[in-house]
Amino acid sequence: MTAMMVAGVDLGPIKDFLPCDTPDAWVAAAASPENLHTLLVDHANCEKKAASTALNLMYRYVEHPALLHKLSRLAREELRHFEQVLALVEKRGMSYPQLSAARYAAGLREHVAKNEPYRLVDTLLVGAIIEARSCERFAAVQPVVDEELGRFYGSLLRSESRHFMDYLTLARELAPDVDVEERLAPLLAAERLLIETDDEEFRFHSGVPRT
């Protein structure tokens, strides 16, 4: 297992789960002052979407108490983190405009099955991947942004580092007859392409910025 501590969090499980690290070119773009506004606004959007995903699953799969309990807690945390990012945006005198969505989440969801129980398992696995990548990016930006943001991203990493395991555990527990590893492999392969290939726009989950 990889051993790497950031903000008191062992990134080993996250890095072992993900198919690749964030490319250096993305980290350099995130550190650039001209991208800070986009980074924060899109991050706020990601927190809202994470809460929305959890709530949508709670509405769709009411027959699973474990899912309802885990994801209600997760949704509350994501909304709280949205509020915190929005407060930073406002504190810095930035606007909160509409941004086009990154290709990332949609690119992963293209691989979600339409029939059950595979739809549930795939959706939970996509949630695990997105949560793991978010934490990996919190760790990546923490040392390259200003001190206030560095502290903030360290606190988010501590708060959200277990989220990907919540999704992964649910996928394994709620559909015991489904081969989760077999379902996970193509999703991780798709994620690697989205992270390592050129991207037209800089976003919190974007690929390599096209220069």
N, C-alpha and C. Protein backbone atom coordinates (compact mmCIF):
# COMPACT_ATOMS: atom_id res chain seq x y z
N MET A 1 0.84 -1.20 0.00
CA MET A 1 0.00 0.00 0.00
C MET A 1 0.88 1.25 0.00
N THR A 2 0.47 2.26 -0.77
CA THR A 2 1.17 3.53 -0.80
C THR A 2 1.06 4.22 0.55
N ALA A 3 2.14 4.80 1.06
CA ALA A 3 2.12 5.54 2.31
C ALA A 3 2.39 7.00 2.00
N MET A 4 1.39 7.83 2.21
CA MET A 4 1.56 9.26 1.96
C MET A 4 0.59 10.01 2.85
N MET A 5 1.12 10.86 3.73
CA MET A 5 0.29 11.63 4.65
C MET A 5 0.18 13.06 4.16
N VAL A 6 -1.04 13.56 4.09
CA VAL A 6 -1.30 14.96 3.78
C VAL A 6 -2.36 15.44 4.76
N ALA A 7 -2.07 16.53 5.46
CA ALA A 7 -3.01 17.10 6.42
C ALA A 7 -3.47 16.06 7.44
N GLY A 8 -2.58 15.15 7.81
CA GLY A 8 -2.91 14.13 8.79
C GLY A 8 -3.72 12.97 8.25
N VAL A 9 -3.90 12.92 6.93
CA VAL A 9 -4.69 11.85 6.31
C VAL A 9 -3.76 10.95 5.50
N ASP A 10 -3.91 9.66 5.69
CA ASP A 10 -3.15 8.69 4.89
C ASP A 10 -3.82 8.55 3.54
N LEU A 11 -3.15 9.04 2.49
CA LEU A 11 -3.71 8.98 1.15
C LEU A 11 -3.53 7.61 0.49
N GLY A 12 -2.87 6.69 1.19
CA GLY A 12 -2.61 5.39 0.61
C GLY A 12 -3.84 4.70 0.04
N PRO A 13 -4.93 4.56 0.83
CA PRO A 13 -6.11 3.89 0.29
C PRO A 13 -6.70 4.59 -0.94
N ILE A 14 -6.67 5.92 -0.94
CA ILE A 14 -7.22 6.67 -2.07
C ILE A 14 -6.35 6.47 -3.31
N LYS A 15 -5.03 6.59 -3.14
CA LYS A 15 -4.13 6.44 -4.28
C LYS A 15 -4.11 5.00 -4.80
N ASP A 16 -4.27 4.04 -3.89
CA ASP A 16 -4.32 2.65 -4.33
C ASP A 16 -5.60 2.35 -5.10
N PHE A 17 -6.66 3.06 -4.77
CA PHE A 17 -7.95 2.86 -5.44
C PHE A 17 -7.99 3.50 -6.82
N LEU A 18 -7.47 4.73 -6.93
CA LEU A 18 -7.53 5.45 -8.20
C LEU A 18 -6.52 4.89 -9.20
N PRO A 19 -6.81 5.01 -10.51
CA PRO A 19 -5.92 4.44 -11.52
C PRO A 19 -4.69 5.27 -11.82
N CYS A 20 -4.68 6.54 -11.39
CA CYS A 20 -3.54 7.42 -11.70
C CYS A 20 -3.57 8.61 -10.77
N ASP A 21 -2.44 9.32 -10.69
CA ASP A 21 -2.37 10.58 -9.97
C ASP A 21 -2.80 11.72 -10.90
N THR A 22 -3.16 12.83 -10.29
CA THR A 22 -3.42 14.04 -11.07
C THR A 22 -2.15 14.47 -11.79
N PRO A 23 -2.22 14.76 -13.08
CA PRO A 23 -1.02 15.20 -13.82
C PRO A 23 -0.46 16.51 -13.27
N ASP A 24 0.85 16.65 -13.36
CA ASP A 24 1.50 17.88 -12.88
C ASP A 24 0.98 19.12 -13.60
N ALA A 25 0.60 18.96 -14.87
CA ALA A 25 0.11 20.11 -15.64
C ALA A 25 -1.19 20.65 -15.05
N TRP A 26 -2.05 19.76 -14.53
CA TRP A 26 -3.28 20.24 -13.89
C TRP A 26 -2.94 20.98 -12.60
N VAL A 27 -2.02 20.45 -11.80
CA VAL A 27 -1.64 21.10 -10.55
C VAL A 27 -1.07 22.48 -10.83
N ALA A 28 -0.24 22.59 -11.87
CA ALA A 28 0.33 23.89 -12.23
C ALA A 28 -0.77 24.87 -12.63
N ALA A 29 -1.77 24.38 -13.36
CA ALA A 29 -2.89 25.25 -13.74
C ALA A 29 -3.69 25.69 -12.52
N ALA A 30 -3.88 24.77 -11.57
CA ALA A 30 -4.62 25.10 -10.36
C ALA A 30 -3.88 26.14 -9.52
N ALA A 31 -2.55 26.14 -9.59
CA ALA A 31 -1.75 27.09 -8.82
C ALA A 31 -1.70 28.46 -9.46
N SER A 32 -2.15 28.56 -10.70
CA SER A 32 -2.08 29.83 -11.44
C SER A 32 -3.16 30.79 -10.94
N PRO A 33 -2.80 32.04 -10.59
CA PRO A 33 -3.79 32.98 -10.07
C PRO A 33 -4.99 33.21 -10.99
N GLU A 34 -4.77 33.14 -12.31
CA GLU A 34 -5.88 33.39 -13.22
C GLU A 34 -6.92 32.27 -13.21
N ASN A 35 -6.58 31.12 -12.64
CA ASN A 35 -7.53 30.01 -12.57
C ASN A 35 -8.20 29.86 -11.21
N LEU A 36 -7.81 30.70 -10.24
CA LEU A 36 -8.33 30.54 -8.88
C LEU A 36 -9.85 30.71 -8.83
N HIS A 37 -10.37 31.71 -9.53
CA HIS A 37 -11.82 31.94 -9.53
C HIS A 37 -12.56 30.71 -10.05
N THR A 38 -12.10 30.19 -11.17
CA THR A 38 -12.73 29.00 -11.76
C THR A 38 -12.61 27.81 -10.83
N LEU A 39 -11.44 27.65 -10.20
CA LEU A 39 -11.23 26.54 -9.28
C LEU A 39 -12.25 26.56 -8.15
N LEU A 40 -12.43 27.72 -7.53
CA LEU A 40 -13.33 27.82 -6.39
C LEU A 40 -14.79 27.68 -6.80
N VAL A 41 -15.18 28.32 -7.89
CA VAL A 41 -16.58 28.24 -8.32
C VAL A 41 -16.93 26.82 -8.74
N ASP A 42 -16.05 26.19 -9.50
CA ASP A 42 -16.36 24.83 -9.93
C ASP A 42 -16.31 23.87 -8.75
N HIS A 43 -15.42 24.12 -7.79
CA HIS A 43 -15.42 23.29 -6.59
C HIS A 43 -16.74 23.42 -5.84
N ALA A 44 -17.24 24.65 -5.71
CA ALA A 44 -18.55 24.83 -5.07
C ALA A 44 -19.62 24.03 -5.81
N ASN A 45 -19.58 24.07 -7.13
CA ASN A 45 -20.55 23.30 -7.92
C ASN A 45 -20.41 21.80 -7.66
N CYS A 46 -19.18 21.33 -7.52
CA CYS A 46 -18.95 19.91 -7.25
C CYS A 46 -19.56 19.49 -5.92
N GLU A 47 -19.44 20.35 -4.91
CA GLU A 47 -20.03 20.03 -3.61
C GLU A 47 -21.55 19.95 -3.72
N LYS A 48 -22.16 20.86 -4.46
CA LYS A 48 -23.62 20.80 -4.67
C LYS A 48 -24.02 19.52 -5.40
N LYS A 49 -23.26 19.18 -6.43
CA LYS A 49 -23.58 17.98 -7.21
C LYS A 49 -23.42 16.72 -6.36
N ALA A 50 -22.42 16.70 -5.50
CA ALA A 50 -22.22 15.55 -4.63
C ALA A 50 -23.41 15.37 -3.69
N ALA A 51 -23.91 16.47 -3.14
CA ALA A 51 -25.09 16.39 -2.29
C ALA A 51 -26.31 15.93 -3.09
N SER A 52 -26.45 16.46 -4.30
CA SER A 52 -27.58 16.08 -5.16
C SER A 52 -27.54 14.60 -5.51
N THR A 53 -26.35 14.09 -5.81
CA THR A 53 -26.22 12.66 -6.13
C THR A 53 -26.67 11.81 -4.95
N ALA A 54 -26.23 12.17 -3.75
CA ALA A 54 -26.62 11.41 -2.57
C ALA A 54 -28.13 11.45 -2.36
N LEU A 55 -28.73 12.62 -2.52
CA LEU A 55 -30.18 12.74 -2.33
C LEU A 55 -30.95 11.97 -3.39
N ASN A 56 -30.48 12.02 -4.64
CA ASN A 56 -31.16 11.27 -5.70
C ASN A 56 -31.16 9.77 -5.42
N LEU A 57 -30.03 9.27 -4.92
CA LEU A 57 -29.96 7.85 -4.57
C LEU A 57 -30.89 7.52 -3.41
N MET A 58 -31.02 8.44 -2.46
CA MET A 58 -31.92 8.22 -1.33
C MET A 58 -33.37 8.16 -1.77
N TYR A 59 -33.75 8.95 -2.77
CA TYR A 59 -35.11 8.91 -3.29
C TYR A 59 -35.36 7.64 -4.11
N ARG A 60 -34.35 7.20 -4.85
CA ARG A 60 -34.54 6.08 -5.78
C ARG A 60 -34.52 4.73 -5.08
N TYR A 61 -33.71 4.62 -4.02
CA TYR A 61 -33.48 3.31 -3.41
C TYR A 61 -33.89 3.32 -1.94
N VAL A 62 -35.16 3.57 -1.70
CA VAL A 62 -35.66 3.71 -0.32
C VAL A 62 -35.68 2.38 0.42
N GLU A 63 -35.50 1.28 -0.29
CA GLU A 63 -35.56 -0.04 0.33
C GLU A 63 -34.25 -0.43 1.03
N HIS A 64 -33.24 0.44 0.97
CA HIS A 64 -31.94 0.11 1.56
C HIS A 64 -31.63 1.05 2.72
N PRO A 65 -31.93 0.67 3.97
CA PRO A 65 -31.67 1.56 5.11
C PRO A 65 -30.21 1.98 5.24
N ALA A 66 -29.27 1.06 4.95
CA ALA A 66 -27.86 1.43 5.07
C ALA A 66 -27.51 2.58 4.14
N LEU A 67 -28.05 2.54 2.93
CA LEU A 67 -27.82 3.61 1.96
C LEU A 67 -28.42 4.92 2.47
N LEU A 68 -29.64 4.86 2.98
CA LEU A 68 -30.30 6.07 3.46
C LEU A 68 -29.50 6.73 4.58
N HIS A 69 -29.01 5.94 5.51
CA HIS A 69 -28.27 6.51 6.64
C HIS A 69 -26.92 7.09 6.21
N LYS A 70 -26.17 6.33 5.42
CA LYS A 70 -24.84 6.81 5.00
C LYS A 70 -24.95 8.06 4.14
N LEU A 71 -25.87 8.03 3.19
CA LEU A 71 -25.92 9.13 2.22
C LEU A 71 -26.62 10.36 2.75
N SER A 72 -27.48 10.22 3.75
CA SER A 72 -28.06 11.42 4.37
C SER A 72 -26.96 12.20 5.10
N ARG A 73 -26.09 11.47 5.78
CA ARG A 73 -24.96 12.13 6.46
C ARG A 73 -24.02 12.76 5.43
N LEU A 74 -23.73 12.02 4.37
CA LEU A 74 -22.82 12.54 3.34
C LEU A 74 -23.39 13.80 2.70
N ALA A 75 -24.70 13.79 2.39
CA ALA A 75 -25.32 14.96 1.75
C ALA A 75 -25.21 16.19 2.65
N ARG A 76 -25.42 16.01 3.95
CA ARG A 76 -25.30 17.15 4.87
C ARG A 76 -23.87 17.71 4.85
N GLU A 77 -22.89 16.82 4.84
CA GLU A 77 -21.50 17.28 4.83
C GLU A 77 -21.17 18.01 3.54
N GLU A 78 -21.65 17.49 2.42
CA GLU A 78 -21.36 18.13 1.13
C GLU A 78 -22.00 19.52 1.06
N LEU A 79 -23.21 19.66 1.56
CA LEU A 79 -23.85 20.98 1.54
C LEU A 79 -23.13 21.96 2.47
N ARG A 80 -22.65 21.46 3.60
CA ARG A 80 -21.87 22.32 4.49
C ARG A 80 -20.59 22.78 3.81
N HIS A 81 -19.96 21.88 3.08
CA HIS A 81 -18.73 22.26 2.38
C HIS A 81 -19.02 23.23 1.24
N PHE A 82 -20.17 23.07 0.59
CA PHE A 82 -20.57 24.07 -0.41
C PHE A 82 -20.67 25.45 0.22
N GLU A 83 -21.30 25.52 1.39
CA GLU A 83 -21.43 26.80 2.08
C GLU A 83 -20.06 27.40 2.39
N GLN A 84 -19.12 26.55 2.78
CA GLN A 84 -17.78 27.03 3.12
C GLN A 84 -17.03 27.55 1.89
N VAL A 85 -17.16 26.85 0.76
CA VAL A 85 -16.50 27.32 -0.46
C VAL A 85 -17.15 28.63 -0.91
N LEU A 86 -18.47 28.69 -0.87
CA LEU A 86 -19.17 29.92 -1.27
C LEU A 86 -18.75 31.10 -0.39
N ALA A 87 -18.57 30.85 0.90
CA ALA A 87 -18.12 31.91 1.80
C ALA A 87 -16.73 32.41 1.40
N LEU A 88 -15.85 31.51 0.98
CA LEU A 88 -14.52 31.92 0.52
C LEU A 88 -14.60 32.75 -0.76
N VAL A 89 -15.48 32.34 -1.67
CA VAL A 89 -15.69 33.09 -2.91
C VAL A 89 -16.13 34.51 -2.58
N GLU A 90 -17.10 34.63 -1.69
CA GLU A 90 -17.64 35.94 -1.34
C GLU A 90 -16.61 36.78 -0.57
N LYS A 91 -15.87 36.14 0.33
CA LYS A 91 -14.86 36.85 1.12
C LYS A 91 -13.80 37.48 0.21
N ARG A 92 -13.51 36.82 -0.91
CA ARG A 92 -12.49 37.31 -1.83
C ARG A 92 -13.05 38.24 -2.90
N GLY A 93 -14.31 38.63 -2.73
CA GLY A 93 -14.92 39.58 -3.64
C GLY A 93 -15.16 39.02 -5.03
N MET A 94 -15.28 37.71 -5.13
CA MET A 94 -15.50 37.06 -6.42
C MET A 94 -17.00 36.87 -6.66
N SER A 95 -17.37 36.80 -7.92
CA SER A 95 -18.74 36.49 -8.29
C SER A 95 -18.93 34.98 -8.27
N TYR A 96 -20.20 34.58 -8.34
CA TYR A 96 -20.50 33.14 -8.41
C TYR A 96 -21.31 32.90 -9.69
N PRO A 97 -20.63 32.86 -10.84
CA PRO A 97 -21.33 32.74 -12.12
C PRO A 97 -21.67 31.29 -12.45
N GLN A 98 -22.52 31.13 -13.46
CA GLN A 98 -22.76 29.80 -14.02
C GLN A 98 -21.51 29.37 -14.79
N LEU A 99 -21.11 28.12 -14.59
CA LEU A 99 -20.00 27.55 -15.36
C LEU A 99 -20.50 26.31 -16.09
N SER A 100 -20.00 26.11 -17.27
CA SER A 100 -20.33 24.87 -17.97
C SER A 100 -19.75 23.70 -17.19
N ALA A 101 -20.45 22.57 -17.23
CA ALA A 101 -20.01 21.40 -16.47
C ALA A 101 -18.77 20.79 -17.11
N ALA A 102 -17.92 20.23 -16.28
CA ALA A 102 -16.77 19.47 -16.79
C ALA A 102 -17.26 18.21 -17.47
N ARG A 103 -16.43 17.63 -18.32
CA ARG A 103 -16.79 16.38 -18.99
C ARG A 103 -16.69 15.19 -18.05
N TYR A 104 -16.09 15.38 -16.89
CA TYR A 104 -15.66 14.28 -16.03
C TYR A 104 -16.82 13.40 -15.56
N ALA A 105 -17.75 13.96 -14.81
CA ALA A 105 -18.83 13.15 -14.24
C ALA A 105 -19.69 12.53 -15.34
N ALA A 106 -20.01 13.33 -16.35
CA ALA A 106 -20.82 12.80 -17.45
C ALA A 106 -20.08 11.68 -18.17
N GLY A 107 -18.78 11.83 -18.32
CA GLY A 107 -17.99 10.80 -18.98
C GLY A 107 -18.00 9.49 -18.22
N LEU A 108 -18.00 9.56 -16.90
CA LEU A 108 -18.09 8.35 -16.08
C LEU A 108 -19.48 7.75 -16.14
N ARG A 109 -20.50 8.59 -16.10
CA ARG A 109 -21.87 8.07 -16.05
C ARG A 109 -22.32 7.45 -17.37
N GLU A 110 -21.60 7.72 -18.44
CA GLU A 110 -21.89 7.05 -19.71
C GLU A 110 -21.75 5.53 -19.58
N HIS A 111 -20.98 5.08 -18.59
CA HIS A 111 -20.69 3.66 -18.44
C HIS A 111 -21.60 2.98 -17.42
N VAL A 112 -22.58 3.72 -16.89
CA VAL A 112 -23.50 3.15 -15.90
C VAL A 112 -24.58 2.35 -16.62
N ALA A 113 -24.82 1.13 -16.14
CA ALA A 113 -25.82 0.25 -16.75
C ALA A 113 -27.22 0.83 -16.56
N LYS A 114 -28.13 0.43 -17.44
CA LYS A 114 -29.52 0.89 -17.37
C LYS A 114 -30.40 -0.06 -16.56
N ASN A 115 -29.97 -1.29 -16.37
CA ASN A 115 -30.78 -2.28 -15.68
C ASN A 115 -30.22 -2.58 -14.29
N GLU A 116 -31.15 -2.93 -13.39
CA GLU A 116 -30.76 -3.25 -12.01
C GLU A 116 -30.38 -4.74 -11.90
N PRO A 117 -29.56 -5.11 -10.93
CA PRO A 117 -28.95 -4.27 -9.89
C PRO A 117 -27.68 -3.56 -10.33
N TYR A 118 -27.33 -3.71 -11.63
CA TYR A 118 -26.06 -3.14 -12.11
C TYR A 118 -26.10 -1.61 -12.11
N ARG A 119 -27.28 -1.04 -12.33
CA ARG A 119 -27.38 0.42 -12.31
C ARG A 119 -27.00 0.96 -10.93
N LEU A 120 -27.54 0.34 -9.88
CA LEU A 120 -27.22 0.78 -8.52
C LEU A 120 -25.73 0.62 -8.24
N VAL A 121 -25.19 -0.55 -8.55
CA VAL A 121 -23.77 -0.80 -8.27
C VAL A 121 -22.89 0.18 -9.03
N ASP A 122 -23.15 0.35 -10.33
CA ASP A 122 -22.33 1.26 -11.13
C ASP A 122 -22.42 2.70 -10.62
N THR A 123 -23.62 3.13 -10.24
CA THR A 123 -23.80 4.50 -9.74
C THR A 123 -23.02 4.70 -8.44
N LEU A 124 -23.05 3.71 -7.57
CA LEU A 124 -22.28 3.80 -6.32
C LEU A 124 -20.78 3.80 -6.60
N LEU A 125 -20.35 3.00 -7.57
CA LEU A 125 -18.92 2.97 -7.90
C LEU A 125 -18.47 4.29 -8.52
N VAL A 126 -19.30 4.88 -9.36
CA VAL A 126 -18.97 6.20 -9.90
C VAL A 126 -18.86 7.21 -8.75
N GLY A 127 -19.78 7.12 -7.79
CA GLY A 127 -19.69 8.00 -6.62
C GLY A 127 -18.39 7.81 -5.87
N ALA A 128 -17.97 6.55 -5.72
CA ALA A 128 -16.70 6.28 -5.03
C ALA A 128 -15.52 6.88 -5.78
N ILE A 129 -15.51 6.76 -7.10
CA ILE A 129 -14.42 7.29 -7.90
C ILE A 129 -14.36 8.81 -7.80
N ILE A 130 -15.51 9.46 -7.93
CA ILE A 130 -15.55 10.92 -7.87
C ILE A 130 -15.10 11.42 -6.50
N GLU A 131 -15.55 10.77 -5.44
CA GLU A 131 -15.15 11.18 -4.10
C GLU A 131 -13.66 10.97 -3.87
N ALA A 132 -13.14 9.84 -4.35
CA ALA A 132 -11.70 9.59 -4.20
C ALA A 132 -10.88 10.62 -4.97
N ARG A 133 -11.29 10.92 -6.20
CA ARG A 133 -10.57 11.90 -7.00
C ARG A 133 -10.65 13.28 -6.37
N SER A 134 -11.78 13.63 -5.81
CA SER A 134 -11.91 14.93 -5.14
C SER A 134 -10.89 15.05 -4.02
N CYS A 135 -10.77 14.00 -3.20
CA CYS A 135 -9.80 14.04 -2.10
C CYS A 135 -8.37 14.08 -2.62
N GLU A 136 -8.10 13.33 -3.67
CA GLU A 136 -6.76 13.36 -4.25
C GLU A 136 -6.43 14.77 -4.75
N ARG A 137 -7.43 15.47 -5.27
CA ARG A 137 -7.20 16.85 -5.74
C ARG A 137 -7.10 17.83 -4.57
N PHE A 138 -7.85 17.60 -3.50
CA PHE A 138 -7.65 18.44 -2.31
C PHE A 138 -6.19 18.37 -1.88
N ALA A 139 -5.65 17.16 -1.86
CA ALA A 139 -4.25 16.99 -1.46
C ALA A 139 -3.30 17.62 -2.46
N ALA A 140 -3.64 17.57 -3.75
CA ALA A 140 -2.77 18.12 -4.78
C ALA A 140 -2.70 19.64 -4.72
N VAL A 141 -3.84 20.29 -4.44
CA VAL A 141 -3.85 21.76 -4.45
C VAL A 141 -3.42 22.34 -3.10
N GLN A 142 -3.53 21.56 -2.04
CA GLN A 142 -3.26 22.09 -0.70
C GLN A 142 -1.91 22.79 -0.59
N PRO A 143 -0.81 22.25 -1.16
CA PRO A 143 0.48 22.94 -1.02
C PRO A 143 0.74 24.04 -2.03
N VAL A 144 -0.12 24.21 -3.05
CA VAL A 144 0.20 25.18 -4.11
C VAL A 144 -0.70 26.41 -4.10
N VAL A 145 -1.71 26.43 -3.22
CA VAL A 145 -2.56 27.61 -3.11
C VAL A 145 -2.11 28.44 -1.91
N ASP A 146 -2.75 29.59 -1.68
CA ASP A 146 -2.35 30.44 -0.56
C ASP A 146 -2.66 29.76 0.78
N GLU A 147 -2.14 30.35 1.84
CA GLU A 147 -2.20 29.70 3.15
C GLU A 147 -3.63 29.43 3.61
N GLU A 148 -4.51 30.40 3.43
CA GLU A 148 -5.90 30.22 3.86
C GLU A 148 -6.55 29.05 3.13
N LEU A 149 -6.38 29.01 1.82
CA LEU A 149 -6.96 27.93 1.04
C LEU A 149 -6.28 26.60 1.35
N GLY A 150 -4.98 26.63 1.60
CA GLY A 150 -4.28 25.42 1.96
C GLY A 150 -4.85 24.78 3.22
N ARG A 151 -5.12 25.62 4.23
CA ARG A 151 -5.74 25.11 5.46
C ARG A 151 -7.13 24.54 5.17
N PHE A 152 -7.87 25.25 4.34
CA PHE A 152 -9.22 24.82 4.01
C PHE A 152 -9.22 23.47 3.29
N TYR A 153 -8.35 23.31 2.30
CA TYR A 153 -8.32 22.05 1.57
C TYR A 153 -7.81 20.91 2.45
N GLY A 154 -6.94 21.22 3.39
CA GLY A 154 -6.53 20.20 4.34
C GLY A 154 -7.69 19.75 5.21
N SER A 155 -8.53 20.69 5.64
CA SER A 155 -9.69 20.34 6.47
C SER A 155 -10.70 19.53 5.67
N LEU A 156 -10.88 19.87 4.39
CA LEU A 156 -11.80 19.10 3.56
C LEU A 156 -11.30 17.68 3.37
N LEU A 157 -10.01 17.54 3.18
CA LEU A 157 -9.44 16.21 3.01
C LEU A 157 -9.72 15.36 4.25
N ARG A 158 -9.57 15.93 5.43
CA ARG A 158 -9.84 15.18 6.65
C ARG A 158 -11.32 14.82 6.76
N SER A 159 -12.20 15.72 6.33
CA SER A 159 -13.63 15.49 6.45
C SER A 159 -14.15 14.47 5.44
N GLU A 160 -13.61 14.51 4.22
CA GLU A 160 -14.21 13.74 3.13
C GLU A 160 -13.44 12.47 2.76
N SER A 161 -12.34 12.20 3.44
CA SER A 161 -11.49 11.09 3.02
C SER A 161 -12.19 9.73 3.12
N ARG A 162 -13.22 9.62 3.94
CA ARG A 162 -13.91 8.34 4.08
C ARG A 162 -15.07 8.18 3.08
N HIS A 163 -15.44 9.25 2.38
CA HIS A 163 -16.64 9.19 1.53
C HIS A 163 -16.54 8.13 0.45
N PHE A 164 -15.36 8.00 -0.15
CA PHE A 164 -15.26 7.04 -1.24
C PHE A 164 -15.48 5.62 -0.73
N MET A 165 -15.03 5.35 0.50
CA MET A 165 -15.23 4.03 1.09
C MET A 165 -16.69 3.80 1.45
N ASP A 166 -17.42 4.86 1.80
CA ASP A 166 -18.86 4.72 2.05
C ASP A 166 -19.56 4.21 0.79
N TYR A 167 -19.25 4.81 -0.35
CA TYR A 167 -19.85 4.38 -1.61
C TYR A 167 -19.40 2.96 -1.98
N LEU A 168 -18.14 2.69 -1.82
CA LEU A 168 -17.60 1.38 -2.20
C LEU A 168 -18.19 0.28 -1.32
N THR A 169 -18.31 0.55 -0.03
CA THR A 169 -18.90 -0.43 0.89
C THR A 169 -20.35 -0.70 0.54
N LEU A 170 -21.11 0.35 0.23
CA LEU A 170 -22.50 0.16 -0.16
C LEU A 170 -22.62 -0.69 -1.42
N ALA A 171 -21.76 -0.44 -2.40
CA ALA A 171 -21.80 -1.22 -3.64
C ALA A 171 -21.60 -2.70 -3.35
N ARG A 172 -20.70 -3.00 -2.44
CA ARG A 172 -20.39 -4.41 -2.12
C ARG A 172 -21.47 -5.05 -1.27
N GLU A 173 -22.11 -4.26 -0.38
CA GLU A 173 -23.07 -4.84 0.55
C GLU A 173 -24.47 -4.96 -0.04
N LEU A 174 -24.86 -4.02 -0.90
CA LEU A 174 -26.25 -3.99 -1.36
C LEU A 174 -26.51 -4.93 -2.52
N ALA A 175 -25.47 -5.37 -3.21
CA ALA A 175 -25.65 -6.28 -4.33
C ALA A 175 -24.59 -7.39 -4.22
N PRO A 176 -24.74 -8.27 -3.22
CA PRO A 176 -23.70 -9.28 -2.97
C PRO A 176 -23.50 -10.26 -4.11
N ASP A 177 -24.47 -10.38 -5.01
CA ASP A 177 -24.34 -11.32 -6.13
C ASP A 177 -23.65 -10.71 -7.34
N VAL A 178 -23.33 -9.42 -7.27
CA VAL A 178 -22.67 -8.73 -8.39
C VAL A 178 -21.17 -8.70 -8.13
N ASP A 179 -20.39 -8.97 -9.16
CA ASP A 179 -18.93 -8.90 -9.07
C ASP A 179 -18.52 -7.43 -9.17
N VAL A 180 -18.32 -6.81 -8.02
CA VAL A 180 -18.03 -5.37 -7.97
C VAL A 180 -16.70 -5.06 -8.66
N GLU A 181 -15.71 -5.88 -8.48
CA GLU A 181 -14.41 -5.60 -9.09
C GLU A 181 -14.51 -5.62 -10.61
N GLU A 182 -15.32 -6.54 -11.12
CA GLU A 182 -15.52 -6.60 -12.57
C GLU A 182 -16.22 -5.35 -13.08
N ARG A 183 -17.19 -4.85 -12.32
CA ARG A 183 -17.90 -3.62 -12.71
C ARG A 183 -16.98 -2.40 -12.58
N LEU A 184 -16.07 -2.44 -11.60
CA LEU A 184 -15.21 -1.28 -11.32
C LEU A 184 -14.13 -1.08 -12.37
N ALA A 185 -13.60 -2.16 -12.91
CA ALA A 185 -12.45 -2.05 -13.82
C ALA A 185 -12.68 -1.12 -15.00
N PRO A 186 -13.78 -1.24 -15.78
CA PRO A 186 -13.96 -0.33 -16.90
C PRO A 186 -14.22 1.12 -16.48
N LEU A 187 -14.81 1.30 -15.30
CA LEU A 187 -15.03 2.66 -14.81
C LEU A 187 -13.70 3.33 -14.47
N LEU A 188 -12.80 2.59 -13.85
CA LEU A 188 -11.48 3.15 -13.55
C LEU A 188 -10.68 3.43 -14.82
N ALA A 189 -10.83 2.58 -15.82
CA ALA A 189 -10.15 2.82 -17.09
C ALA A 189 -10.67 4.09 -17.75
N ALA A 190 -11.98 4.28 -17.68
CA ALA A 190 -12.57 5.51 -18.25
C ALA A 190 -12.11 6.73 -17.48
N GLU A 191 -12.01 6.60 -16.17
CA GLU A 191 -11.57 7.73 -15.34
C GLU A 191 -10.14 8.12 -15.68
N ARG A 192 -9.30 7.14 -15.90
CA ARG A 192 -7.90 7.44 -16.23
C ARG A 192 -7.82 8.25 -17.52
N LEU A 193 -8.61 7.89 -18.52
CA LEU A 193 -8.61 8.64 -19.78
C LEU A 193 -9.07 10.08 -19.54
N LEU A 194 -10.10 10.25 -18.74
CA LEU A 194 -10.62 11.59 -18.48
C LEU A 194 -9.61 12.46 -17.74
N ILE A 195 -8.80 11.86 -16.89
CA ILE A 195 -7.82 12.61 -16.09
C ILE A 195 -6.54 12.88 -16.88
N GLU A 196 -6.11 11.93 -17.69
CA GLU A 196 -4.79 12.03 -18.30
C GLU A 196 -4.80 12.60 -19.72
N THR A 197 -5.95 12.77 -20.33
CA THR A 197 -6.00 13.30 -21.70
C THR A 197 -6.28 14.80 -21.68
N ASP A 198 -6.01 15.45 -22.82
CA ASP A 198 -6.19 16.89 -22.93
C ASP A 198 -7.64 17.28 -22.71
N ASP A 199 -7.83 18.44 -22.09
CA ASP A 199 -9.17 18.96 -21.81
C ASP A 199 -9.26 20.39 -22.31
N GLU A 200 -10.40 20.73 -22.87
CA GLU A 200 -10.58 22.07 -23.42
C GLU A 200 -10.66 23.14 -22.33
N GLU A 201 -11.25 22.77 -21.16
CA GLU A 201 -11.50 23.75 -20.11
C GLU A 201 -10.86 23.30 -18.80
N PHE A 202 -10.44 24.28 -18.00
CA PHE A 202 -9.94 23.99 -16.66
C PHE A 202 -11.13 23.91 -15.71
N ARG A 203 -11.23 22.79 -15.01
CA ARG A 203 -12.25 22.59 -14.00
C ARG A 203 -11.64 21.78 -12.85
N PHE A 204 -12.37 21.67 -11.75
CA PHE A 204 -11.83 20.96 -10.60
C PHE A 204 -11.50 19.51 -10.91
N HIS A 205 -12.28 18.88 -11.80
CA HIS A 205 -12.04 17.50 -12.18
C HIS A 205 -11.59 17.36 -13.63
N SER A 206 -11.07 18.41 -14.21
CA SER A 206 -10.72 18.34 -15.64
C SER A 206 -9.45 17.54 -15.84
N GLY A 207 -9.21 17.22 -17.11
CA GLY A 207 -7.99 16.52 -17.49
C GLY A 207 -6.83 17.49 -17.66
N VAL A 208 -5.90 17.13 -18.54
CA VAL A 208 -4.71 17.96 -18.74
C VAL A 208 -5.09 19.22 -19.50
N PRO A 209 -4.81 20.40 -18.95
CA PRO A 209 -5.19 21.65 -19.63
C PRO A 209 -4.50 21.74 -20.99
N ARG A 210 -5.27 22.06 -22.01
CA ARG A 210 -4.70 22.20 -23.34
C ARG A 210 -4.04 23.57 -23.45
N THR A 211 -2.78 23.60 -23.83
CA THR A 211 -2.04 24.87 -23.93
C THR A 211 -1.98 25.33 -25.37
